[in-house]
mmCIF file of all heavy atoms, coordinates in Angstrom:
data_MODEL
# 
_entry.id   MODEL 
# 
loop_
_atom_site.group_PDB 
_atom_site.id 
_atom_site.type_symbol 
_atom_site.label_atom_id 
_atom_site.label_alt_id 
_atom_site.label_comp_id 
_atom_site.label_asym_id 
_atom_site.label_entity_id 
_atom_site.label_seq_id 
_atom_site.pdbx_PDB_ins_code 
_atom_site.Cartn_x 
_atom_site.Cartn_y 
_atom_site.Cartn_z 
_atom_site.occupancy 
_atom_site.B_iso_or_equiv 
_atom_site.pdbx_formal_charge 
_atom_site.auth_seq_id 
_atom_site.auth_comp_id 
_atom_site.auth_asym_id 
_atom_site.auth_atom_id 
_atom_site.pdbx_PDB_model_num 
ATOM 1   N N   . SER A 1 1  ? 3.302   23.933 7.206  1.00 0.00 ? 1  SER A N   1 
ATOM 2   C CA  . SER A 1 1  ? 3.334   25.269 6.598  1.00 0.00 ? 1  SER A CA  1 
ATOM 3   C C   . SER A 1 1  ? 2.129   25.524 5.717  1.00 0.00 ? 1  SER A C   1 
ATOM 4   O O   . SER A 1 1  ? 1.543   26.615 5.740  1.00 0.00 ? 1  SER A O   1 
ATOM 5   C CB  . SER A 1 1  ? 4.610   25.457 5.780  1.00 0.00 ? 1  SER A CB  1 
ATOM 6   O OG  . SER A 1 1  ? 5.734   25.487 6.612  1.00 0.00 ? 1  SER A OG  1 
ATOM 7   N N   . GLU A 1 2  ? 1.761   24.527 4.927  1.00 0.00 ? 2  GLU A N   1 
ATOM 8   C CA  . GLU A 1 2  ? 0.611   24.686 4.035  1.00 0.00 ? 2  GLU A CA  1 
ATOM 9   C C   . GLU A 1 2  ? -0.683  24.867 4.831  1.00 0.00 ? 2  GLU A C   1 
ATOM 10  O O   . GLU A 1 2  ? -1.514  25.703 4.487  1.00 0.00 ? 2  GLU A O   1 
ATOM 11  C CB  . GLU A 1 2  ? 0.492   23.485 3.101  1.00 0.00 ? 2  GLU A CB  1 
ATOM 12  C CG  . GLU A 1 2  ? 1.482   23.506 1.965  1.00 0.00 ? 2  GLU A CG  1 
ATOM 13  C CD  . GLU A 1 2  ? 1.081   24.456 0.858  1.00 0.00 ? 2  GLU A CD  1 
ATOM 14  O OE1 . GLU A 1 2  ? 1.326   25.680 0.997  1.00 0.00 ? 2  GLU A OE1 1 
ATOM 15  O OE2 . GLU A 1 2  ? 0.523   23.994 -0.133 1.00 0.00 ? 2  GLU A OE2 1 
ATOM 16  N N   . ALA A 1 3  ? -0.859  24.085 5.896  1.00 0.00 ? 3  ALA A N   1 
ATOM 17  C CA  . ALA A 1 3  ? -2.055  24.223 6.731  1.00 0.00 ? 3  ALA A CA  1 
ATOM 18  C C   . ALA A 1 3  ? -2.083  25.591 7.397  1.00 0.00 ? 3  ALA A C   1 
ATOM 19  O O   . ALA A 1 3  ? -3.137  26.241 7.465  1.00 0.00 ? 3  ALA A O   1 
ATOM 20  C CB  . ALA A 1 3  ? -2.087  23.112 7.785  1.00 0.00 ? 3  ALA A CB  1 
ATOM 21  N N   . TYR A 1 4  ? -0.946  26.028 7.855  1.00 0.00 ? 4  TYR A N   1 
ATOM 22  C CA  . TYR A 1 4  ? -0.849  27.349 8.480  1.00 0.00 ? 4  TYR A CA  1 
ATOM 23  C C   . TYR A 1 4  ? -1.280  28.421 7.478  1.00 0.00 ? 4  TYR A C   1 
ATOM 24  O O   . TYR A 1 4  ? -2.099  29.289 7.789  1.00 0.00 ? 4  TYR A O   1 
ATOM 25  C CB  . TYR A 1 4  ? 0.590   27.580 8.949  1.00 0.00 ? 4  TYR A CB  1 
ATOM 26  C CG  . TYR A 1 4  ? 0.752   28.827 9.785  1.00 0.00 ? 4  TYR A CG  1 
ATOM 27  C CD1 . TYR A 1 4  ? 0.795   28.741 11.171 1.00 0.00 ? 4  TYR A CD1 1 
ATOM 28  C CD2 . TYR A 1 4  ? 0.853   30.087 9.205  1.00 0.00 ? 4  TYR A CD2 1 
ATOM 29  C CE1 . TYR A 1 4  ? 0.944   29.877 11.958 1.00 0.00 ? 4  TYR A CE1 1 
ATOM 30  C CE2 . TYR A 1 4  ? 0.992   31.228 9.978  1.00 0.00 ? 4  TYR A CE2 1 
ATOM 31  C CZ  . TYR A 1 4  ? 1.043   31.121 11.356 1.00 0.00 ? 4  TYR A CZ  1 
ATOM 32  O OH  . TYR A 1 4  ? 1.175   32.249 12.127 1.00 0.00 ? 4  TYR A OH  1 
ATOM 33  N N   . ARG A 1 5  ? -0.739  28.347 6.259  1.00 0.00 ? 5  ARG A N   1 
ATOM 34  C CA  . ARG A 1 5  ? -1.086  29.339 5.223  1.00 0.00 ? 5  ARG A CA  1 
ATOM 35  C C   . ARG A 1 5  ? -2.563  29.300 4.872  1.00 0.00 ? 5  ARG A C   1 
ATOM 36  O O   . ARG A 1 5  ? -3.191  30.342 4.680  1.00 0.00 ? 5  ARG A O   1 
ATOM 37  C CB  . ARG A 1 5  ? -0.245  29.109 3.971  1.00 0.00 ? 5  ARG A CB  1 
ATOM 38  C CG  . ARG A 1 5  ? 1.108   29.778 4.018  1.00 0.00 ? 5  ARG A CG  1 
ATOM 39  C CD  . ARG A 1 5  ? 1.794   29.759 2.653  1.00 0.00 ? 5  ARG A CD  1 
ATOM 40  N NE  . ARG A 1 5  ? 2.172   28.429 2.216  1.00 0.00 ? 5  ARG A NE  1 
ATOM 41  C CZ  . ARG A 1 5  ? 3.303   27.827 2.540  1.00 0.00 ? 5  ARG A CZ  1 
ATOM 42  N NH1 . ARG A 1 5  ? 4.182   28.435 3.306  1.00 0.00 ? 5  ARG A NH1 1 
ATOM 43  N NH2 . ARG A 1 5  ? 3.571   26.627 2.092  1.00 0.00 ? 5  ARG A NH2 1 
ATOM 44  N N   . CYS A 1 6  ? -3.124  28.100 4.769  1.00 0.00 ? 6  CYS A N   1 
ATOM 45  C CA  . CYS A 1 6  ? -4.554  27.987 4.444  1.00 0.00 ? 6  CYS A CA  1 
ATOM 46  C C   . CYS A 1 6  ? -5.401  28.789 5.423  1.00 0.00 ? 6  CYS A C   1 
ATOM 47  O O   . CYS A 1 6  ? -6.290  29.538 5.020  1.00 0.00 ? 6  CYS A O   1 
ATOM 48  C CB  . CYS A 1 6  ? -5.001  26.523 4.475  1.00 0.00 ? 6  CYS A CB  1 
ATOM 49  S SG  . CYS A 1 6  ? -4.492  25.547 3.062  1.00 0.00 ? 6  CYS A SG  1 
ATOM 50  N N   . VAL A 1 7  ? -5.124  28.624 6.689  1.00 0.00 ? 7  VAL A N   1 
ATOM 51  C CA  . VAL A 1 7  ? -5.908  29.308 7.711  1.00 0.00 ? 7  VAL A CA  1 
ATOM 52  C C   . VAL A 1 7  ? -5.563  30.800 7.754  1.00 0.00 ? 7  VAL A C   1 
ATOM 53  O O   . VAL A 1 7  ? -6.452  31.650 7.792  1.00 0.00 ? 7  VAL A O   1 
ATOM 54  C CB  . VAL A 1 7  ? -5.707  28.649 9.095  1.00 0.00 ? 7  VAL A CB  1 
ATOM 55  C CG1 . VAL A 1 7  ? -6.377  29.456 10.196 1.00 0.00 ? 7  VAL A CG1 1 
ATOM 56  C CG2 . VAL A 1 7  ? -6.231  27.219 9.065  1.00 0.00 ? 7  VAL A CG2 1 
ATOM 57  N N   . ALA A 1 8  ? -4.289  31.125 7.706  1.00 0.00 ? 8  ALA A N   1 
ATOM 58  C CA  . ALA A 1 8  ? -3.869  32.535 7.776  1.00 0.00 ? 8  ALA A CA  1 
ATOM 59  C C   . ALA A 1 8  ? -4.401  33.352 6.602  1.00 0.00 ? 8  ALA A C   1 
ATOM 60  O O   . ALA A 1 8  ? -4.682  34.541 6.739  1.00 0.00 ? 8  ALA A O   1 
ATOM 61  C CB  . ALA A 1 8  ? -2.342  32.623 7.835  1.00 0.00 ? 8  ALA A CB  1 
ATOM 62  N N   . GLU A 1 9  ? -4.545  32.701 5.438  1.00 0.00 ? 9  GLU A N   1 
ATOM 63  C CA  . GLU A 1 9  ? -5.007  33.402 4.240  1.00 0.00 ? 9  GLU A CA  1 
ATOM 64  C C   . GLU A 1 9  ? -6.503  33.231 3.988  1.00 0.00 ? 9  GLU A C   1 
ATOM 65  O O   . GLU A 1 9  ? -7.008  33.613 2.931  1.00 0.00 ? 9  GLU A O   1 
ATOM 66  C CB  . GLU A 1 9  ? -4.206  32.922 3.027  1.00 0.00 ? 9  GLU A CB  1 
ATOM 67  C CG  . GLU A 1 9  ? -2.727  33.268 3.136  1.00 0.00 ? 9  GLU A CG  1 
ATOM 68  C CD  . GLU A 1 9  ? -1.870  32.612 2.062  1.00 0.00 ? 9  GLU A CD  1 
ATOM 69  O OE1 . GLU A 1 9  ? -2.422  31.918 1.167  1.00 0.00 ? 9  GLU A OE1 1 
ATOM 70  O OE2 . GLU A 1 9  ? -0.637  32.791 2.130  1.00 0.00 ? 9  GLU A OE2 1 
ATOM 71  N N   . GLY A 1 10 ? -7.218  32.649 4.950  1.00 0.00 ? 10 GLY A N   1 
ATOM 72  C CA  . GLY A 1 10 ? -8.661  32.489 4.820  1.00 0.00 ? 10 GLY A CA  1 
ATOM 73  C C   . GLY A 1 10 ? -9.080  31.443 3.803  1.00 0.00 ? 10 GLY A C   1 
ATOM 74  O O   . GLY A 1 10 ? -10.185 31.500 3.264  1.00 0.00 ? 10 GLY A O   1 
ATOM 75  N N   . ALA A 1 11 ? -8.215  30.486 3.539  1.00 0.00 ? 11 ALA A N   1 
ATOM 76  C CA  . ALA A 1 11 ? -8.518  29.422 2.570  1.00 0.00 ? 11 ALA A CA  1 
ATOM 77  C C   . ALA A 1 11 ? -8.732  28.096 3.300  1.00 0.00 ? 11 ALA A C   1 
ATOM 78  O O   . ALA A 1 11 ? -8.239  27.058 2.879  1.00 0.00 ? 11 ALA A O   1 
ATOM 79  C CB  . ALA A 1 11 ? -7.391  29.316 1.553  1.00 0.00 ? 11 ALA A CB  1 
ATOM 80  N N   . GLU A 1 12 ? -9.489  28.148 4.386  1.00 0.00 ? 12 GLU A N   1 
ATOM 81  C CA  . GLU A 1 12 ? -9.714  26.961 5.210  1.00 0.00 ? 12 GLU A CA  1 
ATOM 82  C C   . GLU A 1 12 ? -10.400 25.839 4.445  1.00 0.00 ? 12 GLU A C   1 
ATOM 83  O O   . GLU A 1 12 ? -10.259 24.675 4.800  1.00 0.00 ? 12 GLU A O   1 
ATOM 84  C CB  . GLU A 1 12 ? -10.528 27.340 6.450  1.00 0.00 ? 12 GLU A CB  1 
ATOM 85  C CG  . GLU A 1 12 ? -9.775  28.283 7.357  1.00 0.00 ? 12 GLU A CG  1 
ATOM 86  C CD  . GLU A 1 12 ? -10.651 28.909 8.434  1.00 0.00 ? 12 GLU A CD  1 
ATOM 87  O OE1 . GLU A 1 12 ? -11.856 28.591 8.502  1.00 0.00 ? 12 GLU A OE1 1 
ATOM 88  O OE2 . GLU A 1 12 ? -10.118 29.722 9.203  1.00 0.00 ? 12 GLU A OE2 1 
ATOM 89  N N   . ASP A 1 13 ? -11.111 26.173 3.373  1.00 0.00 ? 13 ASP A N   1 
ATOM 90  C CA  . ASP A 1 13 ? -11.783 25.158 2.576  1.00 0.00 ? 13 ASP A CA  1 
ATOM 91  C C   . ASP A 1 13 ? -10.789 24.223 1.875  1.00 0.00 ? 13 ASP A C   1 
ATOM 92  O O   . ASP A 1 13 ? -11.160 23.159 1.388  1.00 0.00 ? 13 ASP A O   1 
ATOM 93  C CB  . ASP A 1 13 ? -12.708 25.806 1.549  1.00 0.00 ? 13 ASP A CB  1 
ATOM 94  C CG  . ASP A 1 13 ? -11.970 26.723 0.587  1.00 0.00 ? 13 ASP A CG  1 
ATOM 95  O OD1 . ASP A 1 13 ? -11.038 27.436 1.020  1.00 0.00 ? 13 ASP A OD1 1 
ATOM 96  O OD2 . ASP A 1 13 ? -12.330 26.743 -0.609 1.00 0.00 ? 13 ASP A OD2 1 
ATOM 97  N N   . GLN A 1 14 ? -9.510  24.598 1.842  1.00 0.00 ? 14 GLN A N   1 
ATOM 98  C CA  . GLN A 1 14 ? -8.474  23.753 1.240  1.00 0.00 ? 14 GLN A CA  1 
ATOM 99  C C   . GLN A 1 14 ? -7.903  22.723 2.225  1.00 0.00 ? 14 GLN A C   1 
ATOM 100 O O   . GLN A 1 14 ? -7.168  21.815 1.817  1.00 0.00 ? 14 GLN A O   1 
ATOM 101 C CB  . GLN A 1 14 ? -7.338  24.625 0.695  1.00 0.00 ? 14 GLN A CB  1 
ATOM 102 C CG  . GLN A 1 14 ? -7.763  25.505 -0.459 1.00 0.00 ? 14 GLN A CG  1 
ATOM 103 C CD  . GLN A 1 14 ? -6.655  26.445 -0.910 1.00 0.00 ? 14 GLN A CD  1 
ATOM 104 O OE1 . GLN A 1 14 ? -5.502  26.314 -0.507 1.00 0.00 ? 14 GLN A OE1 1 
ATOM 105 N NE2 . GLN A 1 14 ? -7.010  27.400 -1.748 1.00 0.00 ? 14 GLN A NE2 1 
ATOM 106 N N   . LEU A 1 15 ? -8.236  22.854 3.508  1.00 0.00 ? 15 LEU A N   1 
ATOM 107 C CA  . LEU A 1 15 ? -7.697  21.935 4.519  1.00 0.00 ? 15 LEU A CA  1 
ATOM 108 C C   . LEU A 1 15 ? -8.084  20.473 4.300  1.00 0.00 ? 15 LEU A C   1 
ATOM 109 O O   . LEU A 1 15 ? -7.223  19.595 4.464  1.00 0.00 ? 15 LEU A O   1 
ATOM 110 C CB  . LEU A 1 15 ? -8.100  22.379 5.930  1.00 0.00 ? 15 LEU A CB  1 
ATOM 111 C CG  . LEU A 1 15 ? -7.331  23.567 6.498  1.00 0.00 ? 15 LEU A CG  1 
ATOM 112 C CD1 . LEU A 1 15 ? -7.924  23.985 7.837  1.00 0.00 ? 15 LEU A CD1 1 
ATOM 113 C CD2 . LEU A 1 15 ? -5.862  23.250 6.642  1.00 0.00 ? 15 LEU A CD2 1 
ATOM 114 N N   . PRO A 1 16 ? -9.337  20.160 3.925  1.00 0.00 ? 16 PRO A N   1 
ATOM 115 C CA  . PRO A 1 16 ? -9.653  18.733 3.719  1.00 0.00 ? 16 PRO A CA  1 
ATOM 116 C C   . PRO A 1 16 ? -8.779  18.074 2.655  1.00 0.00 ? 16 PRO A C   1 
ATOM 117 O O   . PRO A 1 16 ? -8.293  16.955 2.859  1.00 0.00 ? 16 PRO A O   1 
ATOM 118 C CB  . PRO A 1 16 ? -11.131 18.759 3.295  1.00 0.00 ? 16 PRO A CB  1 
ATOM 119 C CG  . PRO A 1 16 ? -11.672 19.990 3.935  1.00 0.00 ? 16 PRO A CG  1 
ATOM 120 C CD  . PRO A 1 16 ? -10.536 20.991 3.848  1.00 0.00 ? 16 PRO A CD  1 
ATOM 121 N N   . GLU A 1 17 ? -8.545  18.743 1.550  1.00 0.00 ? 17 GLU A N   1 
ATOM 122 C CA  . GLU A 1 17 ? -7.699  18.173 0.501  1.00 0.00 ? 17 GLU A CA  1 
ATOM 123 C C   . GLU A 1 17 ? -6.260  18.015 0.985  1.00 0.00 ? 17 GLU A C   1 
ATOM 124 O O   . GLU A 1 17 ? -5.607  17.004 0.711  1.00 0.00 ? 17 GLU A O   1 
ATOM 125 C CB  . GLU A 1 17 ? -7.736  19.064 -0.737 1.00 0.00 ? 17 GLU A CB  1 
ATOM 126 C CG  . GLU A 1 17 ? -7.005  18.492 -1.915 1.00 0.00 ? 17 GLU A CG  1 
ATOM 127 C CD  . GLU A 1 17 ? -7.131  19.366 -3.160 1.00 0.00 ? 17 GLU A CD  1 
ATOM 128 O OE1 . GLU A 1 17 ? -8.067  20.154 -3.263 1.00 0.00 ? 17 GLU A OE1 1 
ATOM 129 O OE2 . GLU A 1 17 ? -6.245  19.233 -4.023 1.00 0.00 ? 17 GLU A OE2 1 
ATOM 130 N N   . LEU A 1 18 ? -5.770  19.002 1.728  1.00 0.00 ? 18 LEU A N   1 
ATOM 131 C CA  . LEU A 1 18 ? -4.415  18.927 2.272  1.00 0.00 ? 18 LEU A CA  1 
ATOM 132 C C   . LEU A 1 18 ? -4.294  17.783 3.278  1.00 0.00 ? 18 LEU A C   1 
ATOM 133 O O   . LEU A 1 18 ? -3.327  17.016 3.243  1.00 0.00 ? 18 LEU A O   1 
ATOM 134 C CB  . LEU A 1 18 ? -4.035  20.257 2.928  1.00 0.00 ? 18 LEU A CB  1 
ATOM 135 C CG  . LEU A 1 18 ? -2.633  20.334 3.517  1.00 0.00 ? 18 LEU A CG  1 
ATOM 136 C CD1 . LEU A 1 18 ? -1.573  20.205 2.421  1.00 0.00 ? 18 LEU A CD1 1 
ATOM 137 C CD2 . LEU A 1 18 ? -2.465  21.644 4.286  1.00 0.00 ? 18 LEU A CD2 1 
ATOM 138 N N   . ALA A 1 19 ? -5.284  17.656 4.160  1.00 0.00 ? 19 ALA A N   1 
ATOM 139 C CA  . ALA A 1 19 ? -5.260  16.585 5.159  1.00 0.00 ? 19 ALA A CA  1 
ATOM 140 C C   . ALA A 1 19 ? -5.332  15.213 4.492  1.00 0.00 ? 19 ALA A C   1 
ATOM 141 O O   . ALA A 1 19 ? -4.648  14.270 4.915  1.00 0.00 ? 19 ALA A O   1 
ATOM 142 C CB  . ALA A 1 19 ? -6.409  16.757 6.146  1.00 0.00 ? 19 ALA A CB  1 
ATOM 143 N N   . GLU A 1 20 ? -6.139  15.106 3.451  1.00 0.00 ? 20 GLU A N   1 
ATOM 144 C CA  . GLU A 1 20 ? -6.239  13.836 2.729  1.00 0.00 ? 20 GLU A CA  1 
ATOM 145 C C   . GLU A 1 20 ? -4.906  13.473 2.066  1.00 0.00 ? 20 GLU A C   1 
ATOM 146 O O   . GLU A 1 20 ? -4.462  12.329 2.120  1.00 0.00 ? 20 GLU A O   1 
ATOM 147 C CB  . GLU A 1 20 ? -7.349  13.939 1.683  1.00 0.00 ? 20 GLU A CB  1 
ATOM 148 C CG  . GLU A 1 20 ? -7.704  12.629 1.050  1.00 0.00 ? 20 GLU A CG  1 
ATOM 149 C CD  . GLU A 1 20 ? -8.903  12.752 0.131  1.00 0.00 ? 20 GLU A CD  1 
ATOM 150 O OE1 . GLU A 1 20 ? -9.141  13.828 -0.456 1.00 0.00 ? 20 GLU A OE1 1 
ATOM 151 O OE2 . GLU A 1 20 ? -9.596  11.740 -0.008 1.00 0.00 ? 20 GLU A OE2 1 
ATOM 152 N N   . LEU A 1 21 ? -4.242  14.467 1.481  1.00 0.00 ? 21 LEU A N   1 
ATOM 153 C CA  . LEU A 1 21 ? -2.926  14.238 0.868  1.00 0.00 ? 21 LEU A CA  1 
ATOM 154 C C   . LEU A 1 21 ? -1.909  13.820 1.927  1.00 0.00 ? 21 LEU A C   1 
ATOM 155 O O   . LEU A 1 21 ? -1.129  12.883 1.729  1.00 0.00 ? 21 LEU A O   1 
ATOM 156 C CB  . LEU A 1 21 ? -2.456  15.490 0.135  1.00 0.00 ? 21 LEU A CB  1 
ATOM 157 C CG  . LEU A 1 21 ? -1.063  15.425 -0.497 1.00 0.00 ? 21 LEU A CG  1 
ATOM 158 C CD1 . LEU A 1 21 ? -1.001  14.353 -1.575 1.00 0.00 ? 21 LEU A CD1 1 
ATOM 159 C CD2 . LEU A 1 21 ? -0.701  16.799 -1.074 1.00 0.00 ? 21 LEU A CD2 1 
ATOM 160 N N   . ALA A 1 22 ? -1.926  14.508 3.064  1.00 0.00 ? 22 ALA A N   1 
ATOM 161 C CA  . ALA A 1 22 ? -0.989  14.183 4.152  1.00 0.00 ? 22 ALA A CA  1 
ATOM 162 C C   . ALA A 1 22 ? -1.226  12.765 4.656  1.00 0.00 ? 22 ALA A C   1 
ATOM 163 O O   . ALA A 1 22 ? -0.278  12.009 4.889  1.00 0.00 ? 22 ALA A O   1 
ATOM 164 C CB  . ALA A 1 22 ? -1.116  15.199 5.280  1.00 0.00 ? 22 ALA A CB  1 
ATOM 165 N N   . ALA A 1 23 ? -2.483  12.393 4.827  1.00 0.00 ? 23 ALA A N   1 
ATOM 166 C CA  . ALA A 1 23 ? -2.803  11.040 5.296  1.00 0.00 ? 23 ALA A CA  1 
ATOM 167 C C   . ALA A 1 23 ? -2.349  9.995  4.282  1.00 0.00 ? 23 ALA A C   1 
ATOM 168 O O   . ALA A 1 23 ? -1.831  8.934  4.648  1.00 0.00 ? 23 ALA A O   1 
ATOM 169 C CB  . ALA A 1 23 ? -4.298  10.909 5.566  1.00 0.00 ? 23 ALA A CB  1 
ATOM 170 N N   . ALA A 1 24 ? -2.521  10.294 3.003  1.00 0.00 ? 24 ALA A N   1 
ATOM 171 C CA  . ALA A 1 24 ? -2.143  9.351  1.950  1.00 0.00 ? 24 ALA A CA  1 
ATOM 172 C C   . ALA A 1 24 ? -0.633  9.238  1.786  1.00 0.00 ? 24 ALA A C   1 
ATOM 173 O O   . ALA A 1 24 ? -0.147  8.273  1.190  1.00 0.00 ? 24 ALA A O   1 
ATOM 174 C CB  . ALA A 1 24 ? -2.767  9.775  0.624  1.00 0.00 ? 24 ALA A CB  1 
ATOM 175 N N   . SER A 1 25 ? 0.111   10.171 2.349  1.00 0.00 ? 25 SER A N   1 
ATOM 176 C CA  . SER A 1 25 ? 1.572   10.156 2.185  1.00 0.00 ? 25 SER A CA  1 
ATOM 177 C C   . SER A 1 25 ? 2.267   9.177  3.128  1.00 0.00 ? 25 SER A C   1 
ATOM 178 O O   . SER A 1 25 ? 3.479   8.982  3.023  1.00 0.00 ? 25 SER A O   1 
ATOM 179 C CB  . SER A 1 25 ? 2.149   11.558 2.394  1.00 0.00 ? 25 SER A CB  1 
ATOM 180 O OG  . SER A 1 25 ? 2.165   11.885 3.772  1.00 0.00 ? 25 SER A OG  1 
ATOM 181 N N   . ARG A 1 26 ? 1.516   8.556  4.018  1.00 0.00 ? 26 ARG A N   1 
ATOM 182 C CA  . ARG A 1 26 ? 2.110   7.598  4.951  1.00 0.00 ? 26 ARG A CA  1 
ATOM 183 C C   . ARG A 1 26 ? 2.518   6.350  4.170  1.00 0.00 ? 26 ARG A C   1 
ATOM 184 O O   . ARG A 1 26 ? 1.679   5.716  3.530  1.00 0.00 ? 26 ARG A O   1 
ATOM 185 C CB  . ARG A 1 26 ? 1.138   7.232  6.066  1.00 0.00 ? 26 ARG A CB  1 
ATOM 186 C CG  . ARG A 1 26 ? 0.595   8.417  6.859  1.00 0.00 ? 26 ARG A CG  1 
ATOM 187 C CD  . ARG A 1 26 ? 1.711   9.261  7.422  1.00 0.00 ? 26 ARG A CD  1 
ATOM 188 N NE  . ARG A 1 26 ? 1.197   10.418 8.136  1.00 0.00 ? 26 ARG A NE  1 
ATOM 189 C CZ  . ARG A 1 26 ? 1.611   11.650 7.919  1.00 0.00 ? 26 ARG A CZ  1 
ATOM 190 N NH1 . ARG A 1 26 ? 2.526   11.893 7.015  1.00 0.00 ? 26 ARG A NH1 1 
ATOM 191 N NH2 . ARG A 1 26 ? 1.148   12.646 8.623  1.00 0.00 ? 26 ARG A NH2 1 
ATOM 192 N N   . GLY A 1 27 ? 3.806   6.002  4.227  1.00 0.00 ? 27 GLY A N   1 
ATOM 193 C CA  . GLY A 1 27 ? 4.344   4.955  3.378  1.00 0.00 ? 27 GLY A CA  1 
ATOM 194 C C   . GLY A 1 27 ? 4.101   3.529  3.827  1.00 0.00 ? 27 GLY A C   1 
ATOM 195 O O   . GLY A 1 27 ? 4.223   2.606  3.028  1.00 0.00 ? 27 GLY A O   1 
# 
């Protein structure tokens, strides 16, 4: 949902931080 919103709202520059957080969430 967050990635979808980033792109839909033109905030694609936030994707790297989101992807890094998602990758780090792997337990």
